[in-house]
Amino acid sequence: MGTPDFAVTTLDAILKAGYEVVGVVTVPDRQTGRGLKVTYSPVKQYALEHSLPLLQPEKLRDPQFQADLCAWGADLFVVVAFRMLPQSVWGMPPLGTFNLHASLLPQYRGAAPINWALINGEQQTGVTTFMLNEHIDEGGILLQRSTPITPDDDAESLHDRLADMGSQLVVETLRGLEQGTLTPRPQQPVPQLRPAPKIFKADCAINWNQTGRQVVDFIRGLSPYPAATMALQDDKGRALSFKLYQAQFQPDPNHSVGQVITDQKTFLKIGVKDGFVHILSLQLSGKKRLLVADFLRGFNVNNWEIVY
């Protein structure tokens, strides 16, 4: 059961490990764009390409869906980046249902663990397989693997690394459950839990009153999607919206928060609490993503001001 590319990596690993996938559950098709083109989830696309039986329920409590799901006779359900399941679903298979989560539980329970680990400046994260129960991301842990977060990581690079790690951890978990060598262990209390709630558009605006490190971590934690945002007012009084993808911090005692400085050739930097954040890659609304030097060739940024 899954939806995005992150889940496809695991589904592919399960098949290549020789397990029989009796069926796939994913979200219904959606209409997107001006032409309302019907789009499939990445998991559905993979399932179609590999001739796997498919269910796409609108409601997980629908009796017909649950009857069709039961008819597959699965021994075990594997969930990766899907939806919260009712007990009537996760309790259906004889071996239960386990989930792959992109964090070292109990930390970063929620929909966006990869983003929040980066935003919070963590130096380590990982993947966890755990049995589902009635509480979100609180079931007994089966296996965990950790990986360092490097200064060069962003949400894309960390996503890809954790997808690969997670897919292998799922295969290990399947083998352990099949052989009876894995027993779920309770999640251990920690002094301070850090949640990972879903990130909405309104959450993406940069707070320039933070430290440079915090701002850079925020930018890379949302890069490339959904992307941190800012607005600059140009010399004609127009507010222009930007997405930011890469940035570096420069400590500097002589600065003003929100100050916009450029040489109009190679750099664009904005004052923060303890220095400047150099913007390296950005995208003006409606335009393509550019390196800052390419952007400056097309825009005279002198006398521009920060809006947010």
C-alpha atoms as a PDB file:
ATOM      1  CA  MET A   1       0.000   0.000   0.000  1.00  0.00           C
ATOM      2  CA  GLY A   2       1.581   3.271  -1.093  1.00  0.00           C
ATOM      3  CA  THR A   3       1.457   6.320  -3.315  1.00  0.00           C
ATOM      4  CA  PRO A   4       4.684   8.246  -4.201  1.00  0.00           C
ATOM      5  CA  ASP A   5       8.041   7.355  -5.736  1.00  0.00           C
ATOM      6  CA  PHE A   6       9.383   6.611  -2.242  1.00  0.00           C
ATOM      7  CA  ALA A   7       6.951   3.663  -2.101  1.00  0.00           C
ATOM      8  CA  VAL A   8       7.812   2.461  -5.608  1.00  0.00           C
ATOM      9  CA  THR A   9      11.413   1.809  -4.556  1.00  0.00           C
ATOM     10  CA  THR A  10      10.169  -0.572  -1.861  1.00  0.00           C
ATOM     11  CA  LEU A  11       7.627  -2.318  -4.106  1.00  0.00           C
ATOM     12  CA  ASP A  12      10.367  -2.942  -6.662  1.00  0.00           C
ATOM     13  CA  ALA A  13      12.700  -4.361  -3.995  1.00  0.00           C
ATOM     14  CA  ILE A  14       9.994  -6.731  -2.702  1.00  0.00           C
ATOM     15  CA  LEU A  15       9.392  -8.132  -6.174  1.00  0.00           C
ATOM     16  CA  LYS A  16      13.106  -8.481  -6.912  1.00  0.00           C
ATOM     17  CA  ALA A  17      13.565 -10.333  -3.612  1.00  0.00           C
ATOM     18  CA  GLY A  18      11.197 -13.001  -4.916  1.00  0.00           C
ATOM     19  CA  TYR A  19       8.120 -12.306  -2.822  1.00  0.00           C
ATOM     20  CA  GLU A  20       4.656 -12.690  -4.320  1.00  0.00           C
ATOM     21  CA  VAL A  21       2.797  -9.403  -4.346  1.00  0.00           C
ATOM     22  CA  VAL A  22      -0.844 -10.474  -4.560  1.00  0.00           C
ATOM     23  CA  GLY A  23      -2.063  -6.917  -4.997  1.00  0.00           C
ATOM     24  CA  VAL A  24      -1.351  -3.209  -4.697  1.00  0.00           C
ATOM     25  CA  VAL A  25      -3.470  -0.519  -3.028  1.00  0.00           C
ATOM     26  CA  THR A  26      -2.993   3.136  -3.933  1.00  0.00           C
ATOM     27  CA  VAL A  27      -4.937   6.393  -4.132  1.00  0.00           C
ATOM     28  CA  PRO A  28      -7.619   7.062  -6.775  1.00  0.00           C
ATOM     29  CA  ASP A  29      -6.623   8.805  -9.995  1.00  0.00           C
ATOM     30  CA  ARG A  30      -6.658  12.604  -9.891  1.00  0.00           C
ATOM     31  CA  GLN A  31      -7.378  15.325 -12.425  1.00  0.00           C
ATOM     32  CA  THR A  32      -4.647  17.968 -12.491  1.00  0.00           C
ATOM     33  CA  GLY A  33      -3.681  21.059 -14.459  1.00  0.00           C
ATOM     34  CA  ARG A  34      -5.767  23.359 -16.616  1.00  0.00           C
ATOM     35  CA  GLY A  35      -6.754  20.514 -18.903  1.00  0.00           C
ATOM     36  CA  LEU A  36      -7.793  18.344 -15.927  1.00  0.00           C
ATOM     37  CA  LYS A  37      -5.563  15.568 -17.215  1.00  0.00           C
ATOM     38  CA  VAL A  38      -6.004  12.297 -15.340  1.00  0.00           C
ATOM     39  CA  THR A  39      -2.802  11.355 -13.504  1.00  0.00           C
ATOM     40  CA  TYR A  40      -1.814   8.096 -11.817  1.00  0.00           C
ATOM     41  CA  SER A  41       0.177   7.757  -8.631  1.00  0.00           C
ATOM     42  CA  PRO A  42       3.729   6.471  -9.177  1.00  0.00           C
ATOM     43  CA  VAL A  43       2.732   3.258  -7.389  1.00  0.00           C
ATOM     44  CA  LYS A  44      -0.179   2.683  -9.799  1.00  0.00           C
ATOM     45  CA  GLN A  45       2.080   3.316 -12.773  1.00  0.00           C
ATOM     46  CA  TYR A  46       4.530   0.698 -11.492  1.00  0.00           C
ATOM     47  CA  ALA A  47       1.729  -1.775 -10.757  1.00  0.00           C
ATOM     48  CA  LEU A  48       0.345  -1.430 -14.289  1.00  0.00           C
ATOM     49  CA  GLU A  49       3.785  -1.896 -15.823  1.00  0.00           C
ATOM     50  CA  HIS A  50       4.235  -5.131 -13.842  1.00  0.00           C
ATOM     51  CA  SER A  51       0.655  -6.432 -14.248  1.00  0.00           C
ATOM     52  CA  LEU A  52      -0.072  -6.363 -10.518  1.00  0.00           C
ATOM     53  CA  PRO A  53      -3.707  -6.466  -9.320  1.00  0.00           C
ATOM     54  CA  LEU A  54      -4.772  -3.005  -8.157  1.00  0.00           C
ATOM     55  CA  LEU A  55      -7.315  -1.407  -5.822  1.00  0.00           C
ATOM     56  CA  GLN A  56      -7.888   2.361  -5.555  1.00  0.00           C
ATOM     57  CA  PRO A  57     -10.458   2.987  -2.824  1.00  0.00           C
ATOM     58  CA  GLU A  58     -11.899   6.423  -2.125  1.00  0.00           C
ATOM     59  CA  LYS A  59     -12.759   5.287   1.396  1.00  0.00           C
ATOM     60  CA  LEU A  60     -10.788   2.637   3.256  1.00  0.00           C
ATOM     61  CA  ARG A  61     -13.843   1.644   5.309  1.00  0.00           C
ATOM     62  CA  ASP A  62     -15.875   0.861   2.190  1.00  0.00           C
ATOM     63  CA  PRO A  63     -17.251  -2.712   2.596  1.00  0.00           C
ATOM     64  CA  GLN A  64     -16.668  -3.615  -1.069  1.00  0.00           C
ATOM     65  CA  PHE A  65     -13.032  -2.481  -0.911  1.00  0.00           C
ATOM     66  CA  GLN A  66     -12.439  -4.479   2.249  1.00  0.00           C
ATOM     67  CA  ALA A  67     -14.089  -7.552   0.712  1.00  0.00           C
ATOM     68  CA  ASP A  68     -11.906  -7.262  -2.394  1.00  0.00           C
ATOM     69  CA  LEU A  69      -8.825  -6.774  -0.226  1.00  0.00           C
ATOM     70  CA  CYS A  70      -9.656  -9.829   1.881  1.00  0.00           C
ATOM     71  CA  ALA A  71     -10.193 -11.915  -1.253  1.00  0.00           C
ATOM     72  CA  TRP A  72      -6.527 -11.497  -2.188  1.00  0.00           C
ATOM     73  CA  GLY A  73      -5.650 -13.673   0.825  1.00  0.00           C
ATOM     74  CA  ALA A  74      -2.463 -11.781   1.667  1.00  0.00           C
ATOM     75  CA  ASP A  75      -0.366 -13.078   4.567  1.00  0.00           C
ATOM     76  CA  LEU A  76       0.974  -9.607   5.334  1.00  0.00           C
ATOM     77  CA  PHE A  77       0.382  -5.966   4.385  1.00  0.00           C
ATOM     78  CA  VAL A  78       3.311  -3.587   3.766  1.00  0.00           C
ATOM     79  CA  VAL A  79       2.571   0.148   3.953  1.00  0.00           C
ATOM     80  CA  VAL A  80       4.875   2.870   2.608  1.00  0.00           C
ATOM     81  CA  ALA A  81       3.759   6.533   2.439  1.00  0.00           C
ATOM     82  CA  PHE A  82       0.047   5.821   2.212  1.00  0.00           C
ATOM     83  CA  ARG A  83      -2.892   6.776   4.413  1.00  0.00           C
ATOM     84  CA  MET A  84      -3.948   6.093   7.991  1.00  0.00           C
ATOM     85  CA  LEU A  85      -5.577   2.661   7.952  1.00  0.00           C
ATOM     86  CA  PRO A  86      -8.606   1.633  10.029  1.00  0.00           C
ATOM     87  CA  GLN A  87      -8.194  -1.362  12.317  1.00  0.00           C
ATOM     88  CA  SER A  88     -10.479  -3.387  10.040  1.00  0.00           C
ATOM     89  CA  VAL A  89      -7.770  -3.102   7.364  1.00  0.00           C
ATOM     90  CA  TRP A  90      -4.454  -3.278   9.239  1.00  0.00           C
ATOM     91  CA  GLY A  91      -5.782  -6.126  11.387  1.00  0.00           C
ATOM     92  CA  MET A  92      -6.883  -8.204   8.391  1.00  0.00           C
ATOM     93  CA  PRO A  93      -3.825 -10.310   7.408  1.00  0.00           C
ATOM     94  CA  PRO A  94      -2.681 -13.146   9.694  1.00  0.00           C
ATOM     95  CA  LEU A  95       0.859 -11.749  10.049  1.00  0.00           C
ATOM     96  CA  GLY A  96      -0.381  -8.193  10.556  1.00  0.00           C
ATOM     97  CA  THR A  97       0.622  -4.956   8.828  1.00  0.00           C
ATOM     98  CA  PHE A  98       3.919  -3.110   9.036  1.00  0.00           C
ATOM     99  CA  ASN A  99       4.933   0.339   7.869  1.00  0.00           C
ATOM    100  CA  LEU A 100       8.177   1.856   6.611  1.00  0.00           C
ATOM    101  CA  HIS A 101       8.812   5.306   8.098  1.00  0.00           C
ATOM    102  CA  ALA A 102      11.605   7.685   7.045  1.00  0.00           C
ATOM    103  CA  SER A 103      12.893   8.540  10.519  1.00  0.00           C
ATOM    104  CA  LEU A 104      14.338   6.950  13.614  1.00  0.00           C
ATOM    105  CA  LEU A 105      11.099   6.514  15.532  1.00  0.00           C
ATOM    106  CA  PRO A 106       9.827   7.722  17.922  1.00  0.00           C
ATOM    107  CA  GLN A 107      11.303  10.948  16.549  1.00  0.00           C
ATOM    108  CA  TYR A 108       9.594  12.653  13.616  1.00  0.00           C
ATOM    109  CA  ARG A 109       6.253  10.916  13.671  1.00  0.00           C
ATOM    110  CA  GLY A 110       4.102  12.425  10.950  1.00  0.00           C
ATOM    111  CA  ALA A 111       3.815  13.037   7.220  1.00  0.00           C
ATOM    112  CA  ALA A 112       7.075  14.904   6.513  1.00  0.00           C
ATOM    113  CA  PRO A 113       9.949  13.350   8.496  1.00  0.00           C
ATOM    114  CA  ILE A 114      12.608  13.968   5.854  1.00  0.00           C
ATOM    115  CA  ASN A 115      11.830  17.672   5.584  1.00  0.00           C
ATOM    116  CA  TRP A 116      11.647  18.298   9.324  1.00  0.00           C
ATOM    117  CA  ALA A 117      14.876  16.451  10.132  1.00  0.00           C
ATOM    118  CA  LEU A 118      16.698  18.825   7.765  1.00  0.00           C
ATOM    119  CA  ILE A 119      14.813  21.927   8.897  1.00  0.00           C
ATOM    120  CA  ASN A 120      15.736  21.164  12.504  1.00  0.00           C
ATOM    121  CA  GLY A 121      19.415  20.758  11.646  1.00  0.00           C
ATOM    122  CA  GLU A 122      19.674  17.092  12.597  1.00  0.00           C
ATOM    123  CA  GLN A 123      22.973  15.368  11.902  1.00  0.00           C
ATOM    124  CA  GLN A 124      21.483  11.866  11.753  1.00  0.00           C
ATOM    125  CA  THR A 125      18.284  10.239  10.600  1.00  0.00           C
ATOM    126  CA  GLY A 126      17.257   6.862   9.254  1.00  0.00           C
ATOM    127  CA  VAL A 127      14.442   4.451   8.475  1.00  0.00           C
ATOM    128  CA  THR A 128      12.228   2.305  10.687  1.00  0.00           C
ATOM    129  CA  THR A 129       9.881  -0.595  10.092  1.00  0.00           C
ATOM    130  CA  PHE A 130       7.158  -0.986  12.712  1.00  0.00           C
ATOM    131  CA  MET A 131       3.854  -2.794  13.215  1.00  0.00           C
ATOM    132  CA  LEU A 132       0.729  -0.712  12.785  1.00  0.00           C
ATOM    133  CA  ASN A 133      -1.670  -0.182  15.661  1.00  0.00           C
ATOM    134  CA  GLU A 134      -4.456   2.266  16.471  1.00  0.00           C
ATOM    135  CA  HIS A 135      -2.013   5.161  17.069  1.00  0.00           C
ATOM    136  CA  ILE A 136      -0.195   7.003  14.259  1.00  0.00           C
ATOM    137  CA  ASP A 137       3.472   5.920  13.986  1.00  0.00           C
ATOM    138  CA  GLU A 138       3.500   4.467  17.510  1.00  0.00           C
ATOM    139  CA  GLY A 139       3.544   0.705  16.883  1.00  0.00           C
ATOM    140  CA  GLY A 140       6.252  -1.726  17.951  1.00  0.00           C
ATOM    141  CA  ILE A 141       9.578  -1.315  16.130  1.00  0.00           C
ATOM    142  CA  LEU A 142      10.865  -4.189  14.011  1.00  0.00           C
ATOM    143  CA  LEU A 143      14.107  -2.868  12.471  1.00  0.00           C
ATOM    144  CA  GLN A 144      15.962   0.441  12.173  1.00  0.00           C
ATOM    145  CA  ARG A 145      18.904   1.745  10.151  1.00  0.00           C
ATOM    146  CA  SER A 146      20.582   5.140  10.541  1.00  0.00           C
ATOM    147  CA  THR A 147      22.489   7.435   8.191  1.00  0.00           C
ATOM    148  CA  PRO A 148      24.330  10.729   8.735  1.00  0.00           C
ATOM    149  CA  ILE A 149      22.876  13.921   7.298  1.00  0.00           C
ATOM    150  CA  THR A 150      25.655  15.759   5.482  1.00  0.00           C
ATOM    151  CA  PRO A 151      25.883  19.556   5.072  1.00  0.00           C
ATOM    152  CA  ASP A 152      25.275  19.077   1.344  1.00  0.00           C
ATOM    153  CA  ASP A 153      22.054  17.097   1.782  1.00  0.00           C
ATOM    154  CA  ASP A 154      18.709  18.546   0.823  1.00  0.00           C
ATOM    155  CA  ALA A 155      15.260  16.950   0.877  1.00  0.00           C
ATOM    156  CA  GLU A 156      15.815  15.370  -2.541  1.00  0.00           C
ATOM    157  CA  SER A 157      19.166  13.718  -1.822  1.00  0.00           C
ATOM    158  CA  LEU A 158      18.038  12.520   1.601  1.00  0.00           C
ATOM    159  CA  HIS A 159      14.749  11.228   0.163  1.00  0.00           C
ATOM    160  CA  ASP A 160      16.595   9.135  -2.434  1.00  0.00           C
ATOM    161  CA  ARG A 161      19.065   7.716   0.084  1.00  0.00           C
ATOM    162  CA  LEU A 162      16.349   6.821   2.591  1.00  0.00           C
ATOM    163  CA  ALA A 163      14.189   5.283  -0.155  1.00  0.00           C
ATOM    164  CA  ASP A 164      17.032   2.902  -1.041  1.00  0.00           C
ATOM    165  CA  MET A 165      17.813   2.158   2.616  1.00  0.00           C
ATOM    166  CA  GLY A 166      14.149   1.689   3.423  1.00  0.00           C
ATOM    167  CA  SER A 167      13.506  -0.713   0.584  1.00  0.00           C
ATOM    168  CA  GLN A 168      16.291  -2.992   1.789  1.00  0.00           C
ATOM    169  CA  LEU A 169      15.069  -2.722   5.380  1.00  0.00           C
ATOM    170  CA  VAL A 170      11.599  -3.803   4.261  1.00  0.00           C
ATOM    171  CA  VAL A 171      13.059  -6.902   2.591  1.00  0.00           C
ATOM    172  CA  GLU A 172      15.005  -7.701   5.770  1.00  0.00           C
ATOM    173  CA  THR A 173      11.813  -7.227   7.770  1.00  0.00           C
ATOM    174  CA  LEU A 174       9.886  -9.567   5.473  1.00  0.00           C
ATOM    175  CA  ARG A 175      12.518 -12.242   5.904  1.00  0.00           C
ATOM    176  CA  GLY A 176      12.536 -11.841   9.671  1.00  0.00           C
ATOM    177  CA  LEU A 177       8.769 -12.078   9.944  1.00  0.00           C
ATOM    178  CA  GLU A 178       8.697 -15.023   7.546  1.00  0.00           C
ATOM    179  CA  GLN A 179      11.316 -16.869   9.609  1.00  0.00           C
ATOM    180  CA  GLY A 180       9.820 -15.877  12.952  1.00  0.00           C
ATOM    181  CA  THR A 181      13.020 -14.162  14.112  1.00  0.00           C
ATOM    182  CA  LEU A 182      11.574 -10.654  14.519  1.00  0.00           C
ATOM    183  CA  THR A 183       9.555  -9.494  17.503  1.00  0.00           C
ATOM    184  CA  PRO A 184       8.192  -5.929  17.732  1.00  0.00           C
ATOM    185  CA  ARG A 185       9.667  -3.913  20.590  1.00  0.00           C
ATOM    186  CA  PRO A 186       7.955  -0.898  22.163  1.00  0.00           C
ATOM    187  CA  GLN A 187       9.135   2.561  21.144  1.00  0.00           C
ATOM    188  CA  GLN A 188      11.278   4.032  23.899  1.00  0.00           C
ATOM    189  CA  PRO A 189      10.444   7.399  25.487  1.00  0.00           C
ATOM    190  CA  VAL A 190      12.735  10.311  24.631  1.00  0.00           C
ATOM    191  CA  PRO A 191      13.200  13.598  26.541  1.00  0.00           C
ATOM    192  CA  GLN A 192      11.796  15.716  23.707  1.00  0.00           C
ATOM    193  CA  LEU A 193       9.709  14.437  20.815  1.00  0.00           C
ATOM    194  CA  ARG A 194      10.036  16.269  17.513  1.00  0.00           C
ATOM    195  CA  PRO A 195       6.942  15.953  15.311  1.00  0.00           C
ATOM    196  CA  ALA A 196       6.876  15.953  11.495  1.00  0.00           C
ATOM    197  CA  PRO A 197       3.495  17.381  10.457  1.00  0.00           C
ATOM    198  CA  LYS A 198       2.463  17.843   6.852  1.00  0.00           C
ATOM    199  CA  ILE A 199       3.914  21.003   5.294  1.00  0.00           C
ATOM    200  CA  PHE A 200       1.524  23.429   3.599  1.00  0.00           C
ATOM    201  CA  LYS A 201       2.215  26.374   1.298  1.00  0.00           C
ATOM    202  CA  ALA A 202       1.724  28.834   4.152  1.00  0.00           C
ATOM    203  CA  ASP A 203       4.523  27.102   6.089  1.00  0.00           C
ATOM    204  CA  CYS A 204       7.153  27.730   3.402  1.00  0.00           C
ATOM    205  CA  ALA A 205       7.837  31.455   3.904  1.00  0.00           C
ATOM    206  CA  ILE A 206      11.331  32.154   5.251  1.00  0.00           C
ATOM    207  CA  ASN A 207      11.724  33.895   8.611  1.00  0.00           C
ATOM    208  CA  TRP A 208      14.730  36.172   8.075  1.00  0.00           C
ATOM    209  CA  ASN A 209      14.877  36.981  11.813  1.00  0.00           C
ATOM    210  CA  GLN A 210      16.360  33.546  12.468  1.00  0.00           C
ATOM    211  CA  THR A 211      20.039  32.645  12.459  1.00  0.00           C
ATOM    212  CA  GLY A 212      21.791  31.956   9.181  1.00  0.00           C
ATOM    213  CA  ARG A 213      22.085  28.280   9.993  1.00  0.00           C
ATOM    214  CA  GLN A 214      18.360  28.031  10.661  1.00  0.00           C
ATOM    215  CA  VAL A 215      17.488  29.770   7.395  1.00  0.00           C
ATOM    216  CA  VAL A 216      19.845  27.596   5.326  1.00  0.00           C
ATOM    217  CA  ASP A 217      18.487  24.424   6.970  1.00  0.00           C
ATOM    218  CA  PHE A 218      14.945  25.606   6.245  1.00  0.00           C
ATOM    219  CA  ILE A 219      15.793  26.152   2.573  1.00  0.00           C
ATOM    220  CA  ARG A 220      17.486  22.774   2.085  1.00  0.00           C
ATOM    221  CA  GLY A 221      14.783  21.033   4.101  1.00  0.00           C
ATOM    222  CA  LEU A 222      12.197  22.156   1.553  1.00  0.00           C
ATOM    223  CA  SER A 223      14.348  21.798  -1.582  1.00  0.00           C
ATOM    224  CA  PRO A 224      13.279  21.073  -4.253  1.00  0.00           C
ATOM    225  CA  TYR A 225       9.699  20.556  -3.082  1.00  0.00           C
ATOM    226  CA  PRO A 226       7.649  22.320  -1.862  1.00  0.00           C
ATOM    227  CA  ALA A 227      10.504  24.912  -1.735  1.00  0.00           C
ATOM    228  CA  ALA A 228      11.114  27.753   0.698  1.00  0.00           C
ATOM    229  CA  THR A 229       9.657  31.062  -0.438  1.00  0.00           C
ATOM    230  CA  MET A 230      10.450  34.761  -0.188  1.00  0.00           C
ATOM    231  CA  ALA A 231       9.186  37.980  -1.766  1.00  0.00           C
ATOM    232  CA  LEU A 232      11.264  40.963  -2.858  1.00  0.00           C
ATOM    233  CA  GLN A 233       9.974  44.398  -3.782  1.00  0.00           C
ATOM    234  CA  ASP A 234      11.702  45.777  -6.875  1.00  0.00           C
ATOM    235  CA  ASP A 235      12.548  49.409  -7.608  1.00  0.00           C
ATOM    236  CA  LYS A 236       9.128  49.851  -9.245  1.00  0.00           C
ATOM    237  CA  GLY A 237       7.276  48.808  -6.109  1.00  0.00           C
ATOM    238  CA  ARG A 238       6.263  45.371  -7.400  1.00  0.00           C
ATOM    239  CA  ALA A 239       6.364  42.379  -5.037  1.00  0.00           C
ATOM    240  CA  LEU A 240       8.036  39.423  -6.765  1.00  0.00           C
ATOM    241  CA  SER A 241       7.718  35.907  -5.332  1.00  0.00           C
ATOM    242  CA  PHE A 242      10.613  33.452  -5.364  1.00  0.00           C
ATOM    243  CA  LYS A 243      11.336  29.847  -4.495  1.00  0.00           C
ATOM    244  CA  LEU A 244      14.803  29.217  -3.045  1.00  0.00           C
ATOM    245  CA  TYR A 245      16.676  25.949  -3.524  1.00  0.00           C
ATOM    246  CA  GLN A 246      20.281  26.436  -2.396  1.00  0.00           C
ATOM    247  CA  ALA A 247      21.938  28.845   0.017  1.00  0.00           C
ATOM    248  CA  GLN A 248      25.055  29.334   2.163  1.00  0.00           C
ATOM    249  CA  PHE A 249      25.575  31.206   5.410  1.00  0.00           C
ATOM    250  CA  GLN A 250      28.200  33.933   5.887  1.00  0.00           C
ATOM    251  CA  PRO A 251      28.736  35.135   9.485  1.00  0.00           C
ATOM    252  CA  ASP A 252      29.037  38.932   9.656  1.00  0.00           C
ATOM    253  CA  PRO A 253      28.653  41.304  12.641  1.00  0.00           C
ATOM    254  CA  ASN A 254      27.968  44.290  10.379  1.00  0.00           C
ATOM    255  CA  HIS A 255      24.545  43.732   8.882  1.00  0.00           C
ATOM    256  CA  SER A 256      20.845  44.499   9.131  1.00  0.00           C
ATOM    257  CA  VAL A 257      18.166  41.807   9.150  1.00  0.00           C
ATOM    258  CA  GLY A 258      16.399  41.763   5.797  1.00  0.00           C
ATOM    259  CA  GLN A 259      19.079  43.835   4.057  1.00  0.00           C
ATOM    260  CA  VAL A 260      19.435  42.868   0.366  1.00  0.00           C
ATOM    261  CA  ILE A 261      22.980  43.180  -1.027  1.00  0.00           C
ATOM    262  CA  THR A 262      24.303  42.262  -4.484  1.00  0.00           C
ATOM    263  CA  ASP A 263      27.244  43.043  -6.751  1.00  0.00           C
ATOM    264  CA  GLN A 264      24.774  42.620  -9.634  1.00  0.00           C
ATOM    265  CA  LYS A 265      27.034  39.932 -11.114  1.00  0.00           C
ATOM    266  CA  THR A 266      27.843  36.989  -8.880  1.00  0.00           C
ATOM    267  CA  PHE A 267      26.083  37.183  -5.517  1.00  0.00           C
ATOM    268  CA  LEU A 268      22.787  38.016  -3.861  1.00  0.00           C
ATOM    269  CA  LYS A 269      22.722  37.950  -0.074  1.00  0.00           C
ATOM    270  CA  ILE A 270      20.152  38.789   2.573  1.00  0.00           C
ATOM    271  CA  GLY A 271      20.810  39.830   6.152  1.00  0.00           C
ATOM    272  CA  VAL A 272      19.758  37.493   8.964  1.00  0.00           C
ATOM    273  CA  LYS A 273      20.200  37.454  12.720  1.00  0.00           C
ATOM    274  CA  ASP A 274      23.946  36.761  12.691  1.00  0.00           C
ATOM    275  CA  GLY A 275      25.161  37.520   9.180  1.00  0.00           C
ATOM    276  CA  PHE A 276      24.094  36.966   5.584  1.00  0.00           C
ATOM    277  CA  VAL A 277      22.471  34.135   3.662  1.00  0.00           C
ATOM    278  CA  HIS A 278      23.882  33.868   0.139  1.00  0.00           C
ATOM    279  CA  ILE A 279      21.211  32.732  -2.329  1.00  0.00           C
ATOM    280  CA  LEU A 280      22.750  30.259  -4.791  1.00  0.00           C
ATOM    281  CA  SER A 281      19.738  28.947  -6.715  1.00  0.00           C
ATOM    282  CA  LEU A 282      16.253  30.429  -7.054  1.00  0.00           C
ATOM    283  CA  GLN A 283      13.162  30.597  -9.201  1.00  0.00           C
ATOM    284  CA  LEU A 284      11.043  33.663  -9.910  1.00  0.00           C
ATOM    285  CA  SER A 285       7.337  32.808  -9.962  1.00  0.00           C
ATOM    286  CA  GLY A 286       6.366  31.722 -13.468  1.00  0.00           C
ATOM    287  CA  LYS A 287       9.990  31.342 -14.605  1.00  0.00           C
ATOM    288  CA  LYS A 288      12.543  28.529 -14.555  1.00  0.00           C
ATOM    289  CA  ARG A 289      15.027  27.734 -11.813  1.00  0.00           C
ATOM    290  CA  LEU A 290      18.336  29.598 -12.193  1.00  0.00           C
ATOM    291  CA  LEU A 291      21.710  29.924 -10.574  1.00  0.00           C
ATOM    292  CA  VAL A 292      21.964  33.345  -8.976  1.00  0.00           C
ATOM    293  CA  ALA A 293      24.539  34.635 -11.488  1.00  0.00           C
ATOM    294  CA  ASP A 294      22.215  33.774 -14.378  1.00  0.00           C
ATOM    295  CA  PHE A 295      19.318  35.463 -12.596  1.00  0.00           C
ATOM    296  CA  LEU A 296      21.330  38.646 -12.006  1.00  0.00           C
ATOM    297  CA  ARG A 297      22.142  38.912 -15.711  1.00  0.00           C
ATOM    298  CA  GLY A 298      18.443  39.463 -16.362  1.00  0.00           C
ATOM    299  CA  PHE A 299      17.462  41.610 -13.369  1.00  0.00           C
ATOM    300  CA  ASN A 300      18.875  44.754 -11.776  1.00  0.00           C
ATOM    301  CA  VAL A 301      18.406  43.957  -8.084  1.00  0.00           C
ATOM    302  CA  ASN A 302      19.930  47.176  -6.726  1.00  0.00           C
ATOM    303  CA  ASN A 303      17.569  48.940  -4.318  1.00  0.00           C
ATOM    304  CA  TRP A 304      15.313  45.893  -3.980  1.00  0.00           C
ATOM    305  CA  GLU A 305      13.847  45.260  -0.514  1.00  0.00           C
ATOM    306  CA  ILE A 306      12.707  42.178   1.327  1.00  0.00           C
ATOM    307  CA  VAL A 307       8.939  41.794   1.762  1.00  0.00           C
ATOM    308  CA  TYR A 308       9.111  38.424   3.539  1.00  0.00           C
END
